[in-house]
Amino acid sequence: MNHTGAPYSVRNALRAVFEERLSATSFRIGHPAQRRSFHEYFVTHLPSSSLSPDKQPGGSHHRLPRNESQPHSQGSSRRSAANLPQSSRDTTIVRIPIKNAKHHFGAGVSRGSRPYNEDTYQAGTIEIPAFAKRQPISVSRRAGGASKNGEDSGVTNLAAKSESGDPQVFYFGIYDGHGGAECSAFLRDRLHGYVEEAALLFGMESTLQPSTSADVDVDDADSESGVMGAQDAYDLQKSLVSTWKETVGGYFKRFRPDYFPAITNKSGSDSRGETVQSNSIETILTYAFLKADLDFTTAQAHKHTEKKPAAQPPPDDDPVLSDRPLNDNDVLFHPERPASQNLRARAKLSSSPDLTAPIGGSTRFKGGSTASVALIATPTPTPFWHPASPSTLIAAHVGDTRILLCRSSDGKAVPLTTNHHPSAPVEATRLRRYAASFVTDSFGEERVLGLANTRAFGDIASKRIGVSAEPQLTKVDLPAAGYSFLVLMSDGVSGHLDDQEIVDVVKEAKTPADAANALVSFAVEVSEDADNATALVVRLGGWERRNEGGGGSLGTKERRLWRRNEAMDPRSRRQ
């Protein structure tokens, strides 16, 4: 793909960008609308008439305290009812924390039978351009700016827009750590920041606004086509893959991410014949996942392994231990590098994370984490849970966490992810060239170097054989009220319940918050060895129709009742 533009140095450009960011309190590239900021709340609008009289813009019609006010009487000297301020269509902008909006979002968490919980989750609105499918003009608005119901849409549209001028993009993520909670906490606090950063660096454009890149000169490319010019997207892709190749090697010497057009091909189209743009949401999510994994892996490799009390020295004739180098546990360690921060010191809420801050503790963390992230964008400011609002959902998935949709028409579960296990044919084919062997544990599950997941963040000891964080991406256009709800869960839930059981448990709850708690409780109750269990339930446009299709939750009710009775019977688990 031919490019036009003056040559430049990626290293110098990146250095200039991050130096400017460190010297100021926020990005000052282009204009303030380009600033990225993650929030744990969503912005909506309520009619001013729903506020209490004392808080209305015009104030109350009387000036007495509310406890001294009296009902209107015929002989009162106050203004008549005709002169009282009439109810208007004015709206008031409010901020509602997503994690507290129990009618729209619910989270259930349990450590099961484990001594501590390694699962984390995140929910909020992310400041990136919209990627929703644009609706026909005749459906979204009429001539003169009036909406379909004849009302002026100027006030209502303004209330629900983000800083960039697009409707809000919602972000939901679930992270299942293994070997500790350090990696899952890192993803909870920073992965959304990598997505925001990648969208800014790649010059992501909104699908709802007319593209201006064709009319921009080369001199103005910094503000319209990414922060470093017209060619930065291709160079960033090549630079990231090259860094993986030089730092880790092995599998990454021939690493070709699916949604990197600069690596997979030169014509700008993927294997399915569809055009892949360098500033598409798929490329940005792939870059964000791989960059976050690279930063975490490199940070852990630069640290010392925690020193343990000296045990019996290994025998001299041990062929495995004798072949290991003396500094086997000190890969990339340098004594002058500062110790990293402790992730227990949480970042400031409702703000984007500082990606330049140190990662992890002072000792090396050898574990990792799986992740599943769902982003939802709407073509209009109407939120995605409104029954008349279509939306677009994209899921990015690594490992064995799971994302499900419930279809309103028949009540069936629609999986958006597949488990990345060695038993999966695609994963087995990808890894057999580099993995020494696949083994089967006592539970009948295949493992590679002791790991059950072939894709994960962290796990620095298994990177060379191909345990990467390249996400599996699934994009779905959600019609208005076409799906009832969205469920994100860790393997502590999906490992013990099948997909239809999960959605049927959610159907019986009144709110998403009740559904998430009921789902986690049922999964822990029926499992013999309960793992950490976390579930997120997100309301969609067809929530009120969740029990209409397919007989509601009756399809698995008898099976779930039998499983619950078996779990309550102490004799059933005797061997």
Protein backbone atom coordinates (compact mmCIF):
# COMPACT_ATOMS: atom_id res chain seq x y z
CA MET A 1 0.00 0.00 0.00
CA ASN A 2 1.62 3.25 -1.15
CA HIS A 3 1.90 6.12 1.27
CA THR A 4 2.54 9.79 0.82
CA GLY A 5 4.17 11.99 3.39
CA ALA A 6 7.49 13.15 4.66
CA PRO A 7 9.71 10.51 6.28
CA TYR A 8 10.17 10.68 10.01
CA SER A 9 11.59 8.73 12.95
CA VAL A 10 9.09 6.73 14.97
CA ARG A 11 11.39 6.75 17.99
CA ASN A 12 11.71 10.55 18.01
CA ALA A 13 8.03 11.05 17.37
CA LEU A 14 6.98 8.75 20.20
CA ARG A 15 9.46 10.40 22.52
CA ALA A 16 8.09 13.84 21.65
CA VAL A 17 4.53 12.70 22.24
CA PHE A 18 5.16 11.20 25.66
CA GLU A 19 7.43 14.05 26.78
CA GLU A 20 4.62 16.46 25.99
CA ARG A 21 2.24 14.26 27.92
CA LEU A 22 4.48 14.13 30.97
CA SER A 23 5.10 17.88 30.98
CA ALA A 24 1.38 18.71 30.91
CA THR A 25 -1.51 17.44 32.94
CA SER A 26 -3.13 15.93 29.88
CA PHE A 27 -2.70 15.56 26.13
CA ARG A 28 -2.64 18.83 24.22
CA ILE A 29 -2.68 17.50 20.72
CA GLY A 30 -4.91 19.29 18.24
CA HIS A 31 -7.86 20.55 20.30
CA PRO A 32 -9.38 19.61 23.68
CA ALA A 33 -11.91 17.28 22.05
CA GLN A 34 -9.10 14.80 21.38
CA ARG A 35 -8.39 14.23 25.08
CA ARG A 36 -9.04 10.68 26.23
CA SER A 37 -10.61 9.97 29.58
CA PHE A 38 -12.13 6.79 31.04
CA HIS A 39 -15.02 7.18 33.46
CA GLU A 40 -16.76 4.71 35.75
CA TYR A 41 -20.05 6.50 35.17
CA PHE A 42 -22.30 7.20 32.20
CA VAL A 43 -23.90 10.52 31.31
CA THR A 44 -27.62 10.69 30.70
CA HIS A 45 -30.41 13.26 30.87
CA LEU A 46 -33.50 13.41 33.02
CA PRO A 47 -36.52 15.70 32.61
CA SER A 48 -36.22 18.76 34.82
CA SER A 49 -39.74 18.07 36.06
CA SER A 50 -38.43 14.93 37.80
CA LEU A 51 -36.25 17.00 40.11
CA SER A 52 -37.49 18.22 43.46
CA PRO A 53 -39.07 21.71 43.33
CA ASP A 54 -36.20 23.26 45.29
CA LYS A 55 -33.67 22.01 42.73
CA GLN A 56 -35.49 23.06 39.58
CA PRO A 57 -33.78 25.72 37.44
CA GLY A 58 -36.48 28.32 38.16
CA GLY A 59 -36.66 27.42 41.81
CA SER A 60 -39.81 26.90 43.80
CA HIS A 61 -42.75 29.30 43.41
CA HIS A 62 -42.63 30.02 47.14
CA ARG A 63 -39.71 31.17 49.25
CA LEU A 64 -40.62 29.42 52.45
CA PRO A 65 -38.80 26.34 53.76
CA ARG A 66 -40.48 23.16 52.63
CA ASN A 67 -41.44 22.18 56.19
CA GLU A 68 -43.44 25.43 56.50
CA SER A 69 -45.20 25.27 53.16
CA GLN A 70 -48.99 24.94 53.13
CA PRO A 71 -51.47 23.61 50.57
CA HIS A 72 -53.08 26.08 48.25
CA SER A 73 -56.31 27.57 49.50
CA GLN A 74 -58.98 29.55 47.67
CA GLY A 75 -58.29 32.78 49.51
CA SER A 76 -54.53 32.60 49.24
CA SER A 77 -52.73 35.66 47.95
CA ARG A 78 -50.16 33.59 46.06
CA ARG A 79 -50.07 33.38 42.32
CA SER A 80 -52.83 31.45 40.65
CA ALA A 81 -52.26 28.09 39.07
CA ALA A 82 -52.30 29.65 35.62
CA ASN A 83 -49.32 31.81 36.53
CA LEU A 84 -47.24 28.97 37.95
CA PRO A 85 -44.27 27.82 35.85
CA GLN A 86 -45.44 25.12 33.47
CA SER A 87 -43.62 21.82 33.01
CA SER A 88 -41.11 22.13 30.20
CA ARG A 89 -39.14 19.69 28.09
CA ASP A 90 -35.84 20.90 29.49
CA THR A 91 -33.50 18.17 30.65
CA THR A 92 -30.83 17.98 33.30
CA ILE A 93 -27.56 16.17 32.70
CA VAL A 94 -26.70 13.63 35.39
CA ARG A 95 -23.82 11.23 35.96
CA ILE A 96 -24.73 7.74 37.15
CA PRO A 97 -22.04 5.28 38.34
CA ILE A 98 -22.37 2.16 36.21
CA LYS A 99 -21.44 -0.23 39.00
CA ASN A 100 -24.27 1.16 41.15
CA ALA A 101 -26.95 1.14 38.43
CA LYS A 102 -28.49 -2.18 39.43
CA HIS A 103 -31.22 -1.99 36.78
CA HIS A 104 -28.63 -1.70 33.99
CA PHE A 105 -25.53 -3.55 35.25
CA GLY A 106 -24.76 -6.19 37.83
CA ALA A 107 -21.57 -7.83 39.10
CA GLY A 108 -21.33 -10.97 41.19
CA VAL A 109 -18.03 -12.02 42.80
CA SER A 110 -17.09 -15.05 44.91
CA ARG A 111 -13.74 -16.57 45.78
CA GLY A 112 -15.33 -20.03 45.96
CA SER A 113 -13.29 -22.48 47.97
CA ARG A 114 -10.00 -20.68 47.25
CA PRO A 115 -8.22 -18.72 49.98
CA TYR A 116 -8.18 -15.50 47.91
CA ASN A 117 -9.79 -14.05 44.81
CA GLU A 118 -7.73 -13.52 41.64
CA ASP A 119 -10.60 -12.31 39.42
CA THR A 120 -11.15 -8.64 38.67
CA TYR A 121 -13.52 -6.68 36.44
CA GLN A 122 -14.04 -3.19 35.04
CA ALA A 123 -17.04 -1.22 33.76
CA GLY A 124 -17.29 2.33 32.49
CA THR A 125 -17.36 4.59 29.45
CA ILE A 126 -14.25 4.83 27.31
CA GLU A 127 -13.38 7.94 25.32
CA ILE A 128 -12.80 6.68 21.79
CA PRO A 129 -14.55 7.56 18.51
CA ALA A 130 -17.77 5.66 17.84
CA PHE A 131 -17.59 2.50 15.71
CA ALA A 132 -21.34 1.81 15.48
CA LYS A 133 -23.04 1.17 12.18
CA ARG A 134 -24.53 4.39 10.87
CA GLN A 135 -28.31 4.34 10.61
CA PRO A 136 -30.28 5.75 7.63
CA ILE A 137 -30.96 9.46 7.90
CA SER A 138 -34.71 8.95 7.47
CA VAL A 139 -34.78 6.76 10.57
CA SER A 140 -32.57 8.82 12.84
CA ARG A 141 -33.91 12.31 12.11
CA ARG A 142 -36.07 14.35 9.80
CA ALA A 143 -35.53 17.58 7.95
CA GLY A 144 -34.96 20.56 10.23
CA GLY A 145 -33.23 18.54 12.94
CA ALA A 146 -36.43 17.16 14.45
CA SER A 147 -36.49 13.60 15.70
CA LYS A 148 -38.98 10.97 14.61
CA ASN A 149 -41.50 11.90 17.28
CA GLY A 150 -41.41 15.54 16.21
CA GLU A 151 -39.38 16.87 19.13
CA ASP A 152 -36.23 18.85 18.80
CA SER A 153 -33.31 16.49 19.33
CA GLY A 154 -30.71 19.14 20.04
CA VAL A 155 -31.05 19.13 23.83
CA THR A 156 -31.37 15.37 24.28
CA ASN A 157 -28.48 14.59 21.94
CA LEU A 158 -26.18 16.96 23.79
CA ALA A 159 -26.80 15.31 27.13
CA ALA A 160 -25.55 11.86 26.20
CA LYS A 161 -22.58 12.72 24.00
CA SER A 162 -18.95 12.19 25.00
CA GLU A 163 -16.15 14.74 24.89
CA SER A 164 -15.31 13.84 21.29
CA GLY A 165 -18.86 14.63 20.11
CA ASP A 166 -19.87 10.99 19.53
CA PRO A 167 -22.30 8.95 21.62
CA GLN A 168 -20.73 7.27 24.61
CA VAL A 169 -18.85 3.99 24.09
CA PHE A 170 -19.35 1.56 26.98
CA TYR A 171 -16.55 -0.71 28.17
CA PHE A 172 -17.02 -3.96 30.13
CA GLY A 173 -14.11 -6.26 30.98
CA ILE A 174 -13.53 -9.38 33.09
CA TYR A 175 -10.07 -10.70 33.98
CA ASP A 176 -9.29 -14.11 35.46
CA GLY A 177 -5.84 -14.23 37.05
CA HIS A 178 -3.79 -17.35 37.71
CA GLY A 179 -0.74 -17.58 39.92
CA GLY A 180 -1.81 -14.42 41.72
CA ALA A 181 -3.87 -11.29 41.16
CA GLU A 182 -1.10 -8.95 39.98
CA CYS A 183 -1.71 -9.39 36.25
CA SER A 184 -5.51 -9.23 36.50
CA ALA A 185 -5.22 -6.06 38.61
CA PHE A 186 -2.91 -4.57 35.99
CA LEU A 187 -5.51 -5.24 33.28
CA ARG A 188 -8.33 -3.86 35.42
CA ASP A 189 -6.47 -0.61 36.01
CA ARG A 190 -4.75 -0.08 32.66
CA LEU A 191 -6.09 -2.09 29.71
CA HIS A 192 -8.73 0.51 28.87
CA GLY A 193 -5.97 3.11 28.91
CA TYR A 194 -4.07 1.16 26.26
CA VAL A 195 -7.20 1.13 24.09
CA GLU A 196 -7.60 4.89 24.45
CA GLU A 197 -3.92 5.44 23.70
CA ALA A 198 -3.99 3.23 20.62
CA ALA A 199 -7.08 5.03 19.28
CA LEU A 200 -5.23 8.34 19.61
CA LEU A 201 -1.97 7.12 18.10
CA PHE A 202 -3.67 5.41 15.17
CA GLY A 203 -5.95 8.34 14.41
CA MET A 204 -9.17 6.37 14.78
CA GLU A 205 -12.07 8.07 13.01
CA SER A 206 -15.73 7.97 13.95
CA THR A 207 -18.05 5.96 11.73
CA LEU A 208 -20.85 8.44 12.46
CA GLN A 209 -19.09 11.56 11.23
CA PRO A 210 -17.90 12.29 7.68
CA SER A 211 -14.24 11.43 7.15
CA THR A 212 -11.93 14.40 6.70
CA SER A 213 -8.72 12.52 6.03
CA ALA A 214 -9.08 12.87 2.26
CA ASP A 215 -9.08 16.67 2.45
CA VAL A 216 -6.17 17.04 4.85
CA ASP A 217 -2.76 18.21 3.73
CA VAL A 218 0.41 16.50 4.81
CA ASP A 219 1.26 19.42 7.07
CA ASP A 220 -2.01 18.96 8.98
CA ALA A 221 -1.70 15.19 9.30
CA ASP A 222 -0.70 15.38 12.94
CA SER A 223 -4.15 16.51 14.01
CA GLU A 224 -6.29 14.42 11.66
CA SER A 225 -4.47 11.16 10.97
CA GLY A 226 -2.89 10.22 14.27
CA VAL A 227 -0.51 12.17 16.41
CA MET A 228 2.57 11.38 14.35
CA GLY A 229 1.49 11.70 10.74
CA ALA A 230 -0.04 9.68 7.94
CA GLN A 231 2.29 6.66 8.12
CA ASP A 232 2.44 6.15 11.88
CA ALA A 233 -0.18 3.35 11.97
CA TYR A 234 1.84 1.04 9.72
CA ASP A 235 5.10 1.83 11.49
CA LEU A 236 3.57 1.26 14.92
CA GLN A 237 2.39 -2.19 13.86
CA LYS A 238 5.80 -3.13 12.48
CA SER A 239 7.59 -1.71 15.51
CA LEU A 240 5.46 -3.68 17.96
CA VAL A 241 5.92 -6.98 16.12
CA SER A 242 9.66 -6.31 15.80
CA THR A 243 9.92 -5.65 19.55
CA TRP A 244 8.20 -8.95 20.31
CA LYS A 245 10.59 -10.69 17.94
CA GLU A 246 13.70 -9.18 19.52
CA THR A 247 12.58 -9.44 23.15
CA VAL A 248 11.05 -12.93 23.20
CA GLY A 249 11.87 -14.67 19.92
CA GLY A 250 10.68 -18.22 19.36
CA TYR A 251 7.08 -18.17 18.19
CA PHE A 252 7.19 -14.41 17.68
CA LYS A 253 9.88 -14.63 15.01
CA ARG A 254 7.10 -15.50 12.56
CA PHE A 255 4.32 -13.66 14.36
CA ARG A 256 1.67 -12.24 12.00
CA PRO A 257 -1.37 -10.81 13.82
CA ASP A 258 -4.58 -11.19 11.85
CA TYR A 259 -5.66 -7.56 12.03
CA PHE A 260 -2.30 -5.92 11.33
CA PRO A 261 -2.49 -5.01 7.62
CA ALA A 262 1.10 -3.80 7.71
CA ILE A 263 2.21 -7.36 8.60
CA THR A 264 -0.33 -9.75 7.09
CA ASN A 265 -0.36 -8.24 3.59
CA LYS A 266 0.49 -5.14 1.62
CA SER A 267 -2.82 -4.64 -0.16
CA GLY A 268 -4.94 -3.72 2.85
CA SER A 269 -7.35 -6.70 2.73
CA ASP A 270 -7.50 -9.76 4.96
CA SER A 271 -7.87 -13.44 4.07
CA ARG A 272 -11.68 -13.09 3.82
CA GLY A 273 -11.37 -10.42 1.18
CA GLU A 274 -12.61 -7.66 3.48
CA THR A 275 -10.74 -4.40 3.70
CA VAL A 276 -8.75 -3.91 6.92
CA GLN A 277 -7.92 -0.32 7.76
CA SER A 278 -5.00 0.51 10.01
CA ASN A 279 -7.20 2.77 12.14
CA SER A 280 -10.09 0.28 12.47
CA ILE A 281 -11.36 -0.79 15.87
CA GLU A 282 -10.08 -4.34 15.23
CA THR A 283 -6.51 -3.15 14.62
CA ILE A 284 -6.63 -0.82 17.63
CA LEU A 285 -7.84 -3.55 20.00
CA THR A 286 -5.20 -5.98 18.73
CA TYR A 287 -2.47 -3.38 19.19
CA ALA A 288 -3.71 -2.44 22.68
CA PHE A 289 -3.78 -6.07 23.87
CA LEU A 290 -0.34 -6.89 22.48
CA LYS A 291 1.21 -3.66 23.76
CA ALA A 292 -0.19 -4.18 27.26
CA ASP A 293 1.12 -7.75 27.29
CA LEU A 294 4.54 -6.62 26.06
CA ASP A 295 4.83 -3.95 28.75
CA PHE A 296 3.78 -6.36 31.50
CA THR A 297 6.06 -9.15 30.27
CA THR A 298 9.07 -6.86 29.89
CA ALA A 299 8.50 -5.34 33.33
CA GLN A 300 8.45 -8.78 34.96
CA ALA A 301 11.49 -9.99 33.04
CA HIS A 302 13.55 -7.07 34.36
CA LYS A 303 13.01 -8.10 37.98
CA HIS A 304 14.58 -10.59 40.36
CA THR A 305 12.76 -13.75 41.27
CA GLU A 306 11.71 -13.77 44.91
CA LYS A 307 14.40 -15.46 46.96
CA LYS A 308 13.23 -18.47 48.94
CA PRO A 309 14.95 -20.23 51.84
CA ALA A 310 17.72 -22.49 50.71
CA ALA A 311 16.60 -26.09 50.37
CA GLN A 312 18.51 -29.26 49.69
CA PRO A 313 20.93 -28.76 46.79
CA PRO A 314 19.92 -30.60 43.63
CA PRO A 315 21.77 -33.81 42.89
CA ASP A 316 24.75 -33.48 40.57
CA ASP A 317 23.37 -36.08 38.17
CA ASP A 318 20.07 -34.23 37.56
CA PRO A 319 20.14 -33.65 33.77
CA VAL A 320 17.46 -30.96 33.83
CA LEU A 321 18.72 -28.73 36.61
CA SER A 322 22.36 -29.02 35.59
CA ASP A 323 21.60 -27.67 32.11
CA ARG A 324 19.96 -24.50 33.37
CA PRO A 325 22.10 -21.33 33.46
CA LEU A 326 23.03 -19.79 36.78
CA ASN A 327 21.06 -16.62 35.99
CA ASP A 328 18.05 -18.50 34.68
CA ASN A 329 15.69 -16.54 36.96
CA ASP A 330 17.17 -13.12 36.25
CA VAL A 331 16.19 -12.55 32.63
CA LEU A 332 16.72 -8.91 31.59
CA PHE A 333 17.38 -7.91 35.20
CA HIS A 334 19.34 -4.75 35.82
CA PRO A 335 20.19 -3.57 39.37
CA GLU A 336 19.83 0.12 38.49
CA ARG A 337 16.21 -0.18 37.37
CA PRO A 338 13.77 1.22 39.96
CA ALA A 339 11.34 -1.02 41.76
CA SER A 340 7.83 -0.92 40.34
CA GLN A 341 4.77 0.36 42.09
CA ASN A 342 2.47 -1.76 44.16
CA LEU A 343 -0.81 -2.18 42.31
CA ARG A 344 -2.71 -2.17 45.59
CA ALA A 345 -2.43 1.61 45.47
CA ARG A 346 -5.38 2.11 43.14
CA ALA A 347 -5.36 4.78 40.49
CA LYS A 348 -7.65 7.76 40.82
CA LEU A 349 -11.19 6.75 39.99
CA SER A 350 -12.93 8.00 36.88
CA SER A 351 -9.72 8.88 35.10
CA SER A 352 -7.50 7.26 32.53
CA PRO A 353 -4.45 5.44 33.93
CA ASP A 354 -0.85 6.58 33.65
CA LEU A 355 0.67 4.05 31.25
CA THR A 356 4.21 5.26 32.01
CA ALA A 357 4.00 4.31 35.70
CA PRO A 358 5.99 1.25 36.86
CA ILE A 359 4.22 -2.10 36.71
CA GLY A 360 3.86 -4.58 39.53
CA GLY A 361 5.91 -5.11 42.67
CA SER A 362 9.64 -5.34 43.25
CA THR A 363 9.83 -9.09 42.58
CA ARG A 364 8.97 -11.02 39.46
CA PHE A 365 5.44 -12.26 38.91
CA LYS A 366 5.37 -15.46 36.86
CA GLY A 367 1.60 -15.85 36.64
CA GLY A 368 -0.79 -14.29 34.19
CA SER A 369 -4.41 -13.57 33.41
CA THR A 370 -7.08 -14.19 30.80
CA ALA A 371 -9.36 -11.40 29.65
CA SER A 372 -12.63 -10.76 27.85
CA VAL A 373 -13.64 -7.22 26.93
CA ALA A 374 -16.90 -6.01 25.36
CA LEU A 375 -17.30 -2.53 23.84
CA ILE A 376 -20.78 -1.27 22.90
CA ALA A 377 -21.41 1.77 20.71
CA THR A 378 -24.67 3.27 19.49
CA PRO A 379 -25.34 5.37 16.37
CA THR A 380 -27.44 7.85 18.37
CA PRO A 381 -27.14 9.28 21.89
CA THR A 382 -29.95 6.95 22.99
CA PRO A 383 -28.31 4.36 25.30
CA PHE A 384 -27.98 0.77 24.12
CA TRP A 385 -30.41 -0.59 26.72
CA HIS A 386 -33.29 1.39 25.24
CA PRO A 387 -35.74 -0.96 23.41
CA ALA A 388 -35.69 1.22 20.29
CA SER A 389 -31.93 1.70 20.09
CA PRO A 390 -29.73 -0.44 17.79
CA SER A 391 -26.07 -0.81 18.71
CA THR A 392 -22.79 -2.45 17.72
CA LEU A 393 -20.85 -4.75 20.02
CA ILE A 394 -17.26 -5.90 19.59
CA ALA A 395 -15.76 -8.55 21.87
CA ALA A 396 -12.01 -9.03 22.38
CA HIS A 397 -11.15 -12.31 24.05
CA VAL A 398 -8.02 -14.05 25.36
CA GLY A 399 -8.10 -17.32 27.33
CA ASP A 400 -11.09 -19.12 28.87
CA THR A 401 -13.23 -16.29 30.17
CA ARG A 402 -16.53 -16.18 28.30
CA ILE A 403 -19.07 -13.76 26.77
CA LEU A 404 -22.67 -14.73 25.97
CA LEU A 405 -25.66 -13.00 24.43
CA CYS A 406 -29.28 -14.02 25.00
CA ARG A 407 -31.46 -13.75 21.90
CA SER A 408 -34.91 -12.29 22.56
CA SER A 409 -36.78 -14.21 19.87
CA ASP A 410 -36.07 -17.75 21.11
CA GLY A 411 -34.23 -17.25 24.40
CA LYS A 412 -31.15 -19.11 23.17
CA ALA A 413 -27.58 -18.41 24.31
CA VAL A 414 -25.29 -16.98 21.62
CA PRO A 415 -21.59 -17.42 22.50
CA LEU A 416 -19.20 -14.73 21.29
CA THR A 417 -15.99 -16.44 22.45
CA THR A 418 -14.31 -19.84 22.37
CA ASN A 419 -11.94 -21.21 24.99
CA HIS A 420 -8.28 -20.98 24.03
CA HIS A 421 -7.24 -24.43 25.23
CA PRO A 422 -4.70 -26.89 23.75
CA SER A 423 -7.60 -29.16 22.77
CA ALA A 424 -8.93 -26.55 20.31
CA PRO A 425 -7.80 -27.53 16.77
CA VAL A 426 -6.81 -23.99 15.82
CA GLU A 427 -4.72 -23.51 18.94
CA ALA A 428 -3.13 -26.95 18.70
CA THR A 429 -2.07 -26.29 15.09
CA ARG A 430 -0.68 -22.90 16.04
CA LEU A 431 1.46 -24.17 18.92
CA ARG A 432 2.67 -27.64 17.92
CA ARG A 433 5.58 -26.17 15.97
CA TYR A 434 7.03 -24.57 19.12
CA ALA A 435 5.56 -26.45 22.11
CA ALA A 436 7.63 -29.44 23.18
CA SER A 437 4.65 -31.59 24.13
CA PHE A 438 1.00 -31.57 25.09
CA VAL A 439 0.07 -33.49 28.23
CA THR A 440 -3.26 -34.54 29.73
CA ASP A 441 -3.79 -33.97 33.44
CA SER A 442 -5.76 -36.16 35.85
CA PHE A 443 -9.00 -34.35 34.93
CA GLY A 444 -8.63 -35.19 31.24
CA GLU A 445 -7.72 -31.66 30.19
CA GLU A 446 -4.86 -31.02 27.80
CA ARG A 447 -2.11 -28.69 28.97
CA VAL A 448 0.99 -27.17 27.44
CA LEU A 449 3.90 -26.62 29.84
CA GLY A 450 1.44 -26.91 32.71
CA LEU A 451 -0.88 -24.21 31.35
CA ALA A 452 -4.51 -24.79 30.47
CA ASN A 453 -4.74 -21.63 28.31
CA THR A 454 -2.86 -21.13 25.06
CA ARG A 455 -3.53 -17.37 25.06
CA ALA A 456 -3.03 -15.20 28.11
CA PHE A 457 -1.44 -12.04 29.43
CA GLY A 458 1.77 -12.57 31.38
CA ASP A 459 3.05 -16.16 31.78
CA ILE A 460 6.54 -15.01 30.80
CA ALA A 461 7.97 -18.52 30.98
CA SER A 462 5.67 -19.67 28.15
CA LYS A 463 5.91 -16.76 25.74
CA ARG A 464 8.49 -18.35 23.47
CA ILE A 465 6.19 -21.26 22.60
CA GLY A 466 3.35 -18.96 21.57
CA VAL A 467 1.24 -18.13 24.63
CA SER A 468 0.34 -14.66 23.36
CA ALA A 469 -2.35 -12.09 24.08
CA GLU A 470 -3.50 -11.70 20.48
CA PRO A 471 -7.27 -11.31 20.94
CA GLN A 472 -10.04 -13.18 19.21
CA LEU A 473 -12.34 -10.45 17.88
CA THR A 474 -16.08 -10.79 17.24
CA LYS A 475 -18.22 -7.92 15.96
CA VAL A 476 -22.03 -8.09 16.17
CA ASP A 477 -24.66 -5.58 15.08
CA LEU A 478 -27.41 -5.69 17.71
CA PRO A 479 -30.87 -4.79 16.38
CA ALA A 480 -33.29 -2.86 18.55
CA ALA A 481 -34.54 -5.23 21.28
CA GLY A 482 -32.98 -8.14 19.40
CA TYR A 483 -31.01 -9.38 22.43
CA SER A 484 -32.05 -9.39 26.07
CA PHE A 485 -28.77 -9.18 27.94
CA LEU A 486 -25.02 -9.71 27.83
CA VAL A 487 -23.10 -11.93 30.26
CA LEU A 488 -19.34 -11.88 30.89
CA MET A 489 -17.98 -14.54 33.24
CA SER A 490 -14.81 -16.25 34.42
CA ASP A 491 -14.21 -20.00 34.15
CA GLY A 492 -15.45 -20.40 37.72
CA VAL A 493 -18.93 -19.99 36.22
CA SER A 494 -18.61 -21.24 32.63
CA GLY A 495 -16.58 -24.27 33.74
CA HIS A 496 -19.48 -25.69 35.76
CA LEU A 497 -22.55 -24.51 33.83
CA ASP A 498 -23.36 -24.75 30.15
CA ASP A 499 -24.36 -21.71 28.12
CA GLN A 500 -28.12 -22.27 28.23
CA GLU A 501 -28.11 -22.83 31.98
CA ILE A 502 -26.32 -19.53 32.44
CA VAL A 503 -28.83 -17.47 30.46
CA ASP A 504 -31.78 -19.27 32.06
CA VAL A 505 -30.54 -18.35 35.55
CA VAL A 506 -30.32 -14.71 34.46
CA LYS A 507 -33.85 -14.79 33.01
CA GLU A 508 -35.38 -15.57 36.41
CA ALA A 509 -33.91 -12.48 38.10
CA LYS A 510 -35.63 -9.11 38.29
CA THR A 511 -32.55 -6.92 37.76
CA PRO A 512 -29.06 -7.49 36.31
CA ALA A 513 -27.59 -7.05 39.79
CA ASP A 514 -29.77 -9.84 41.18
CA ALA A 515 -28.97 -11.98 38.14
CA ALA A 516 -25.20 -11.68 38.59
CA ASN A 517 -25.36 -12.63 42.26
CA ALA A 518 -27.72 -15.54 41.59
CA LEU A 519 -25.51 -16.83 38.78
CA VAL A 520 -22.34 -16.79 40.88
CA SER A 521 -24.10 -18.35 43.88
CA PHE A 522 -25.53 -21.19 41.79
CA ALA A 523 -22.17 -21.91 40.10
CA VAL A 524 -20.35 -22.08 43.44
CA GLU A 525 -23.09 -24.16 45.01
CA VAL A 526 -23.17 -26.94 42.39
CA SER A 527 -19.40 -27.25 41.89
CA GLU A 528 -17.39 -29.71 43.92
CA ASP A 529 -14.19 -27.63 43.91
CA ALA A 530 -15.37 -24.06 43.48
CA ASP A 531 -12.93 -21.77 41.69
CA ASN A 532 -13.02 -17.98 41.81
CA ALA A 533 -16.30 -17.03 40.17
CA THR A 534 -17.14 -13.62 38.70
CA ALA A 535 -20.06 -12.70 36.44
CA LEU A 536 -21.17 -9.44 34.85
CA VAL A 537 -24.71 -9.02 33.52
CA VAL A 538 -25.47 -6.07 31.21
CA ARG A 539 -29.01 -5.11 30.28
CA LEU A 540 -29.79 -4.79 26.56
CA GLY A 541 -32.85 -3.50 24.69
CA GLY A 542 -34.81 -6.77 24.91
CA TRP A 543 -34.52 -7.17 28.69
CA GLU A 544 -38.28 -7.03 29.21
CA ARG A 545 -38.71 -9.83 26.64
CA ARG A 546 -36.17 -12.22 28.18
CA ASN A 547 -38.85 -14.73 29.24
CA GLU A 548 -40.95 -14.62 26.08
CA GLY A 549 -38.96 -16.75 23.63
CA GLY A 550 -38.23 -20.45 23.96
CA GLY A 551 -40.41 -21.05 26.99
CA GLY A 552 -38.44 -18.71 29.22
CA SER A 553 -36.20 -20.50 31.68
CA LEU A 554 -38.18 -23.77 31.74
CA GLY A 555 -35.80 -25.56 29.35
CA THR A 556 -33.13 -26.17 31.99
CA LYS A 557 -35.18 -25.65 35.16
CA GLU A 558 -35.54 -29.35 35.95
CA ARG A 559 -31.84 -30.01 35.38
CA ARG A 560 -30.82 -27.07 37.55
CA LEU A 561 -33.16 -28.18 40.32
CA TRP A 562 -31.68 -31.68 40.24
CA ARG A 563 -28.13 -30.30 40.39
CA ARG A 564 -29.01 -28.10 43.34
CA ASN A 565 -30.53 -31.05 45.23
CA GLU A 566 -27.45 -33.16 44.50
CA ALA A 567 -25.22 -30.42 45.84
CA MET A 568 -27.28 -30.15 49.03
CA ASP A 569 -27.16 -33.92 49.66
CA PRO A 570 -23.99 -34.76 51.62
CA ARG A 571 -24.18 -38.43 50.58
CA SER A 572 -24.04 -37.72 46.86
CA ARG A 573 -20.40 -36.62 46.96
CA ARG A 574 -19.05 -39.56 48.90
CA GLN A 575 -16.60 -41.69 46.97
